[in-house]
Amino acid sequence: MESSAAKQQPMAGGSMITAEQSYLRTELEQRRERLHEALHSSAADASLSQLLTAVDTALSRIDQGTFGLCETCHDAIEAERLLADPLVRFCLDHLTSAEQRALESDLSLAARIQRALLPKLGLAPAGWDVRYHYQPADVVSGDYCDLFETDGGLLFALGDVSGKGVAASMLMSHLHATFRSLAEAGLPLDRMVEDANRIFCESTLAVSAGHLPVLHIHGDGATPKDSTGVPLGMFCNTRFPVHRLTLAHGDTLFLYTDGLTEARNRAGAEYGLHRIRTLAARHTGIEPAGLISECLEDLQSFGEGLKQPDDLTLLAVQRAE
């Protein structure tokens, strides 16, 4: 269920790739039009003129090929910050003390909001045993995890917004609100995902992403179940067929983001899908909390103390009766 903000790649000279520049130019031009309209309002004040000047300057930097470069050191500004605010002019290393404090305050608030959106830890849906682990690589995360009961039963979701940082976290919050709203409308699962996909396709950048297979853990081992569609937001009119699976008592569905599969050890080797499946097959019948604990312990041993490079989220859903 990965979605949006395309993974950033620098060009020669440190500027952002053309597709992102095109997107941000369109955003800036639209803001410029709105500002012009607002300036003709009787309630217009000086701040609108200042914003218009900043937008014109940003558009000029795109034309000159200097957009996305710090005005102090001329290195590339962090791409996720540009996606969140195309008017930024300095990299993190060259913000003023006041700007640093404001950014830290914003990130802290964003982190608190994200954690408030996570499922309640004590949630105990009838007939199910559910546990999750949510671990951002930095202050905010692009991982998405949700779980709640509806009239039709238990609804759970896990995803990874492409990219990192503030832009990815904003899209994660957008995804959460979208699915919650669609679920409250009582839509069937395929229609819900199709509507969410269309909303994301119309409101976000192009996707550069892939799906990881869900593991069905049962008495005979662990069987991967591949996705039935492309990542959200890639094509506006995509259909998402529903895969139906019957879980026996004690069976578990194990979902995870690529913070697990793409974790590396000191030799540069990836943790990988095979290791996850092997670990799961060794622990058939274990309760979700134990499964997640075993996975984290194995990941820590594999990583040999290296810092986590990506957001990590694990979700285990077991049929308890």
Protein backbone atom coordinates (compact mmCIF):
# COMPACT_ATOMS: atom_id res chain seq x y z
CA MET A 1 0.00 0.00 0.00
CA GLU A 2 2.93 2.29 -0.55
CA SER A 3 2.23 5.73 -1.81
CA SER A 4 3.47 8.94 -3.04
CA ALA A 5 6.23 11.54 -2.68
CA ALA A 6 8.56 10.10 -5.29
CA LYS A 7 11.95 9.01 -4.04
CA GLN A 8 14.34 11.90 -4.44
CA GLN A 9 17.44 11.59 -6.57
CA PRO A 10 19.93 14.42 -7.11
CA MET A 11 21.03 15.56 -10.56
CA ALA A 12 24.42 16.97 -11.43
CA GLY A 13 24.90 20.19 -9.52
CA GLY A 14 22.62 19.02 -6.72
CA SER A 15 19.24 20.17 -8.10
CA MET A 16 16.11 18.03 -7.94
CA ILE A 17 15.06 15.78 -10.79
CA THR A 18 12.95 17.28 -13.57
CA ALA A 19 9.67 15.55 -12.63
CA GLU A 20 9.76 17.03 -9.14
CA GLN A 21 10.76 20.46 -10.41
CA SER A 22 7.83 20.34 -12.83
CA TYR A 23 5.49 19.44 -9.98
CA LEU A 24 6.82 22.21 -7.74
CA ARG A 25 6.69 24.77 -10.57
CA THR A 26 3.00 23.97 -11.01
CA GLU A 27 2.45 24.29 -7.25
CA LEU A 28 4.25 27.64 -7.18
CA GLU A 29 2.35 28.98 -10.18
CA GLN A 30 -0.96 28.02 -8.57
CA ARG A 31 0.05 29.75 -5.34
CA ARG A 32 1.04 32.82 -7.32
CA GLU A 33 -2.43 32.99 -8.89
CA ARG A 34 -4.11 32.68 -5.50
CA LEU A 35 -1.90 35.37 -4.03
CA HIS A 36 -2.72 37.75 -6.89
CA GLU A 37 -6.42 37.17 -6.25
CA ALA A 38 -6.00 37.68 -2.51
CA LEU A 39 -4.05 40.91 -3.01
CA HIS A 40 -7.13 42.45 -4.64
CA SER A 41 -9.18 41.72 -1.54
CA SER A 42 -10.01 44.53 0.85
CA ALA A 43 -8.50 42.44 3.65
CA ALA A 44 -5.08 42.09 1.96
CA ASP A 45 -2.03 43.01 4.05
CA ALA A 46 1.72 43.36 3.54
CA SER A 47 2.43 39.72 4.29
CA LEU A 48 0.72 38.68 1.03
CA SER A 49 3.06 40.89 -0.99
CA GLN A 50 6.02 39.32 0.80
CA LEU A 51 4.75 35.83 -0.01
CA LEU A 52 4.25 36.79 -3.65
CA THR A 53 7.84 38.01 -3.82
CA ALA A 54 9.07 34.74 -2.32
CA VAL A 55 7.07 32.72 -4.87
CA ASP A 56 8.39 34.83 -7.77
CA THR A 57 11.94 34.34 -6.47
CA ALA A 58 11.47 30.56 -6.29
CA LEU A 59 10.13 30.45 -9.86
CA SER A 60 13.11 32.54 -10.98
CA ARG A 61 15.50 30.06 -9.32
CA ILE A 62 13.86 27.22 -11.25
CA ASP A 63 14.43 29.11 -14.51
CA GLN A 64 18.06 29.81 -13.56
CA GLY A 65 18.77 26.21 -12.53
CA THR A 66 19.54 27.12 -8.91
CA PHE A 67 16.27 25.97 -7.34
CA GLY A 68 16.84 23.51 -4.53
CA LEU A 69 20.36 24.79 -3.75
CA CYS A 70 21.20 26.34 -0.38
CA GLU A 71 21.96 30.05 -0.78
CA THR A 72 24.80 29.78 1.75
CA CYS A 73 26.72 26.61 0.84
CA HIS A 74 25.17 25.93 -2.61
CA ASP A 75 24.67 22.24 -1.74
CA ALA A 76 21.31 20.58 -2.27
CA ILE A 77 18.54 21.41 0.19
CA GLU A 78 16.89 18.33 1.70
CA ALA A 79 14.39 17.17 -0.92
CA GLU A 80 11.63 16.29 1.53
CA ARG A 81 11.75 19.86 2.90
CA LEU A 82 11.35 21.31 -0.59
CA LEU A 83 8.36 19.05 -1.23
CA ALA A 84 6.78 20.24 2.02
CA ASP A 85 7.67 23.90 1.38
CA PRO A 86 9.07 24.92 -2.04
CA LEU A 87 9.96 28.36 -0.67
CA VAL A 88 12.78 27.13 1.57
CA ARG A 89 16.15 28.65 0.62
CA PHE A 90 18.64 27.13 3.06
CA CYS A 91 19.68 23.60 4.01
CA LEU A 92 19.34 22.41 7.60
CA ASP A 93 22.98 23.21 8.35
CA HIS A 94 22.46 26.88 7.56
CA LEU A 95 19.17 27.72 9.27
CA THR A 96 19.27 30.51 11.83
CA SER A 97 18.93 29.58 15.50
CA ALA A 98 15.32 30.77 15.47
CA GLU A 99 14.56 28.70 12.37
CA GLN A 100 16.18 25.65 13.96
CA ARG A 101 14.05 26.01 17.08
CA ALA A 102 10.89 26.47 15.00
CA LEU A 103 11.71 23.38 12.92
CA GLU A 104 12.37 21.29 16.02
CA SER A 105 9.06 22.43 17.49
CA ASP A 106 7.20 21.57 14.26
CA LEU A 107 8.81 18.13 14.08
CA SER A 108 7.98 17.43 17.70
CA LEU A 109 4.36 18.38 17.11
CA ALA A 110 4.21 16.27 13.93
CA ALA A 111 5.61 13.28 15.83
CA ARG A 112 3.00 13.63 18.58
CA ILE A 113 0.22 13.86 15.99
CA GLN A 114 1.51 10.75 14.21
CA ARG A 115 1.66 8.71 17.39
CA ALA A 116 -1.88 9.81 18.27
CA LEU A 117 -3.03 8.35 14.93
CA LEU A 118 -1.64 4.89 15.74
CA PRO A 119 -3.99 2.11 16.93
CA LYS A 120 -4.55 1.98 20.68
CA LEU A 121 -2.10 -0.44 22.25
CA GLY A 122 -4.80 -2.09 24.36
CA LEU A 123 -7.13 -2.77 21.44
CA ALA A 124 -8.57 -6.30 21.76
CA PRO A 125 -11.00 -7.04 18.93
CA ALA A 126 -13.24 -10.03 19.59
CA GLY A 127 -11.78 -13.22 18.15
CA TRP A 128 -8.38 -11.73 17.33
CA ASP A 129 -4.99 -11.18 18.95
CA VAL A 130 -3.24 -8.20 17.40
CA ARG A 131 0.12 -6.54 18.09
CA TYR A 132 2.24 -4.02 16.22
CA HIS A 133 5.65 -2.36 16.49
CA TYR A 134 6.17 1.18 15.17
CA GLN A 135 9.71 2.60 15.07
CA PRO A 136 10.50 5.77 13.07
CA ALA A 137 14.06 6.11 11.83
CA ASP A 138 13.92 9.81 12.71
CA VAL A 139 11.52 12.13 14.51
CA VAL A 140 8.66 11.57 12.06
CA SER A 141 7.79 8.54 9.94
CA GLY A 142 6.33 7.73 6.54
CA ASP A 143 5.07 4.33 7.72
CA TYR A 144 1.32 3.83 8.02
CA CYS A 145 -0.35 1.45 10.44
CA ASP A 146 -4.03 1.36 11.34
CA LEU A 147 -6.41 -1.06 12.99
CA PHE A 148 -10.04 -0.64 13.99
CA GLU A 149 -13.32 -2.48 14.20
CA THR A 150 -16.18 -1.77 11.81
CA ASP A 151 -19.68 -3.16 11.39
CA GLY A 152 -18.20 -5.63 8.92
CA GLY A 153 -15.47 -6.85 11.28
CA LEU A 154 -11.81 -5.99 11.79
CA LEU A 155 -10.07 -3.65 9.37
CA PHE A 156 -6.29 -3.33 9.44
CA ALA A 157 -3.78 -1.71 7.12
CA LEU A 158 -0.04 -1.23 6.86
CA GLY A 159 1.90 0.78 4.32
CA ASP A 160 5.03 2.76 3.61
CA VAL A 161 4.93 6.18 1.96
CA SER A 162 7.89 6.45 -0.40
CA GLY A 163 10.60 8.75 0.89
CA LYS A 164 11.31 9.93 4.42
CA GLY A 165 10.94 12.95 6.64
CA VAL A 166 8.27 15.63 6.83
CA ALA A 167 6.83 15.18 3.32
CA ALA A 168 6.36 11.42 3.82
CA SER A 169 4.85 11.94 7.28
CA MET A 170 2.32 14.41 5.87
CA LEU A 171 1.23 11.88 3.29
CA MET A 172 1.01 9.19 5.96
CA SER A 173 -1.44 11.39 7.87
CA HIS A 174 -3.36 12.00 4.64
CA LEU A 175 -3.58 8.26 4.04
CA HIS A 176 -4.82 7.65 7.58
CA ALA A 177 -7.60 10.23 7.27
CA THR A 178 -8.61 8.96 3.82
CA PHE A 179 -9.04 5.34 4.89
CA ARG A 180 -10.80 6.25 8.13
CA SER A 181 -13.31 8.37 6.20
CA LEU A 182 -13.92 5.70 3.57
CA ALA A 183 -14.30 2.99 6.22
CA GLU A 184 -16.95 5.03 8.02
CA ALA A 185 -18.89 5.16 4.76
CA GLY A 186 -19.25 1.37 4.93
CA LEU A 187 -17.72 0.70 1.52
CA PRO A 188 -16.59 -2.81 0.54
CA LEU A 189 -12.83 -3.35 0.70
CA ASP A 190 -12.12 -3.21 -3.05
CA ARG A 191 -14.15 -0.03 -3.49
CA MET A 192 -12.47 1.53 -0.45
CA VAL A 193 -8.98 0.95 -1.84
CA GLU A 194 -9.95 2.09 -5.33
CA ASP A 195 -11.39 5.34 -3.97
CA ALA A 196 -8.32 5.92 -1.79
CA ASN A 197 -6.09 5.29 -4.82
CA ARG A 198 -7.96 7.85 -6.91
CA ILE A 199 -7.76 10.45 -4.14
CA PHE A 200 -4.02 9.92 -3.80
CA CYS A 201 -3.40 9.90 -7.53
CA GLU A 202 -5.08 13.29 -7.87
CA SER A 203 -3.35 14.91 -4.91
CA THR A 204 0.22 13.59 -4.68
CA LEU A 205 3.41 13.08 -6.66
CA ALA A 206 4.03 10.04 -8.83
CA VAL A 207 4.86 6.81 -7.03
CA SER A 208 8.14 4.95 -6.96
CA ALA A 209 7.32 1.97 -4.79
CA GLY A 210 6.62 -1.71 -4.49
CA HIS A 211 4.68 -4.16 -2.34
CA LEU A 212 6.09 -6.68 0.10
CA PRO A 213 4.27 -10.02 0.41
CA VAL A 214 2.13 -10.68 3.47
CA LEU A 215 3.14 -13.85 5.34
CA HIS A 216 0.40 -16.32 6.24
CA ILE A 217 1.82 -18.23 9.19
CA HIS A 218 0.10 -21.58 9.77
CA GLY A 219 0.81 -25.03 11.18
CA ASP A 220 2.80 -26.10 8.12
CA GLY A 221 5.04 -23.03 7.90
CA ALA A 222 4.86 -19.52 6.43
CA THR A 223 3.35 -18.85 3.01
CA PRO A 224 3.87 -15.48 1.24
CA LYS A 225 0.82 -13.82 -0.32
CA ASP A 226 1.64 -11.33 -3.04
CA SER A 227 -0.27 -8.10 -3.65
CA THR A 228 -3.26 -7.95 -5.97
CA GLY A 229 -2.54 -4.49 -7.38
CA VAL A 230 -0.02 -1.71 -7.89
CA PRO A 231 0.92 0.79 -5.14
CA LEU A 232 -1.64 3.47 -4.31
CA GLY A 233 -1.42 6.63 -6.36
CA MET A 234 0.36 5.16 -9.38
CA PHE A 235 -2.62 5.10 -11.77
CA CYS A 236 -5.90 6.91 -11.08
CA ASN A 237 -8.30 4.26 -12.42
CA THR A 238 -6.66 1.08 -11.14
CA ARG A 239 -8.75 -1.83 -9.87
CA PHE A 240 -7.70 -3.71 -6.73
CA PRO A 241 -9.05 -7.28 -6.66
CA VAL A 242 -9.68 -8.73 -3.20
CA HIS A 243 -7.64 -11.78 -2.14
CA ARG A 244 -9.70 -14.00 0.14
CA LEU A 245 -7.95 -16.14 2.73
CA THR A 246 -9.37 -18.39 5.43
CA LEU A 247 -7.46 -18.38 8.71
CA ALA A 248 -7.66 -21.39 11.03
CA HIS A 249 -7.48 -20.98 14.80
CA GLY A 250 -3.91 -19.88 15.63
CA ASP A 251 -3.06 -18.75 12.09
CA THR A 252 -1.34 -15.37 11.79
CA LEU A 253 -0.95 -12.71 9.12
CA PHE A 254 2.40 -10.95 9.43
CA LEU A 255 2.88 -7.59 7.69
CA TYR A 256 6.02 -5.45 7.65
CA THR A 257 7.55 -2.44 5.89
CA ASP A 258 10.86 -2.39 4.03
CA GLY A 259 12.61 -1.09 7.13
CA LEU A 260 12.82 -4.82 7.91
CA THR A 261 13.62 -6.32 4.51
CA GLU A 262 16.15 -3.64 3.52
CA ALA A 263 18.02 -3.50 6.84
CA ARG A 264 21.73 -4.23 6.27
CA ASN A 265 24.55 -5.67 8.32
CA ARG A 266 28.15 -4.44 8.38
CA ALA A 267 28.97 -6.54 5.31
CA GLY A 268 26.24 -4.72 3.34
CA ALA A 269 23.94 -7.76 3.05
CA GLU A 270 20.17 -7.18 3.27
CA TYR A 271 17.99 -8.85 5.88
CA GLY A 272 15.71 -9.93 3.01
CA LEU A 273 12.45 -11.81 2.50
CA HIS A 274 13.96 -15.29 2.86
CA ARG A 275 15.16 -14.58 6.40
CA ILE A 276 11.75 -13.24 7.43
CA ARG A 277 9.98 -16.30 6.04
CA THR A 278 12.47 -18.67 7.70
CA LEU A 279 12.05 -16.96 11.07
CA ALA A 280 8.25 -17.04 10.78
CA ALA A 281 8.28 -20.73 9.85
CA ARG A 282 10.23 -21.48 13.04
CA HIS A 283 7.57 -19.84 15.17
CA THR A 284 4.24 -21.16 13.92
CA GLY A 285 1.57 -20.88 16.59
CA ILE A 286 3.41 -18.25 18.62
CA GLU A 287 1.29 -15.32 19.78
CA PRO A 288 1.70 -11.98 17.91
CA ALA A 289 3.61 -10.28 20.74
CA GLY A 290 6.11 -13.14 20.80
CA LEU A 291 6.46 -13.16 17.01
CA ILE A 292 7.27 -9.46 16.90
CA SER A 293 9.70 -9.83 19.79
CA GLU A 294 11.51 -12.69 18.03
CA CYS A 295 11.69 -10.69 14.80
CA LEU A 296 13.13 -7.61 16.50
CA GLU A 297 15.68 -9.69 18.37
CA ASP A 298 16.76 -11.39 15.15
CA LEU A 299 16.96 -8.04 13.34
CA GLN A 300 19.11 -6.56 16.09
CA SER A 301 21.45 -9.53 15.94
CA PHE A 302 21.65 -9.30 12.15
CA GLY A 303 22.25 -5.54 12.11
CA GLU A 304 25.24 -5.81 14.48
CA GLY A 305 24.39 -2.53 16.17
CA LEU A 306 24.11 -0.41 13.02
CA LYS A 307 21.71 2.56 13.13
CA GLN A 308 18.32 1.89 11.61
CA PRO A 309 18.28 3.56 8.16
CA ASP A 310 14.54 3.45 7.54
CA ASP A 311 11.22 3.51 9.34
CA LEU A 312 10.18 0.09 10.64
CA THR A 313 6.65 -1.14 11.28
CA LEU A 314 5.52 -4.69 12.02
CA LEU A 315 1.93 -5.91 12.37
CA ALA A 316 0.79 -9.39 13.42
CA VAL A 317 -2.90 -10.39 13.31
CA GLN A 318 -3.78 -13.82 14.72
CA ARG A 319 -7.11 -15.61 14.74
CA ALA A 320 -7.72 -16.39 18.40
CA GLU A 321 -10.97 -18.36 18.18
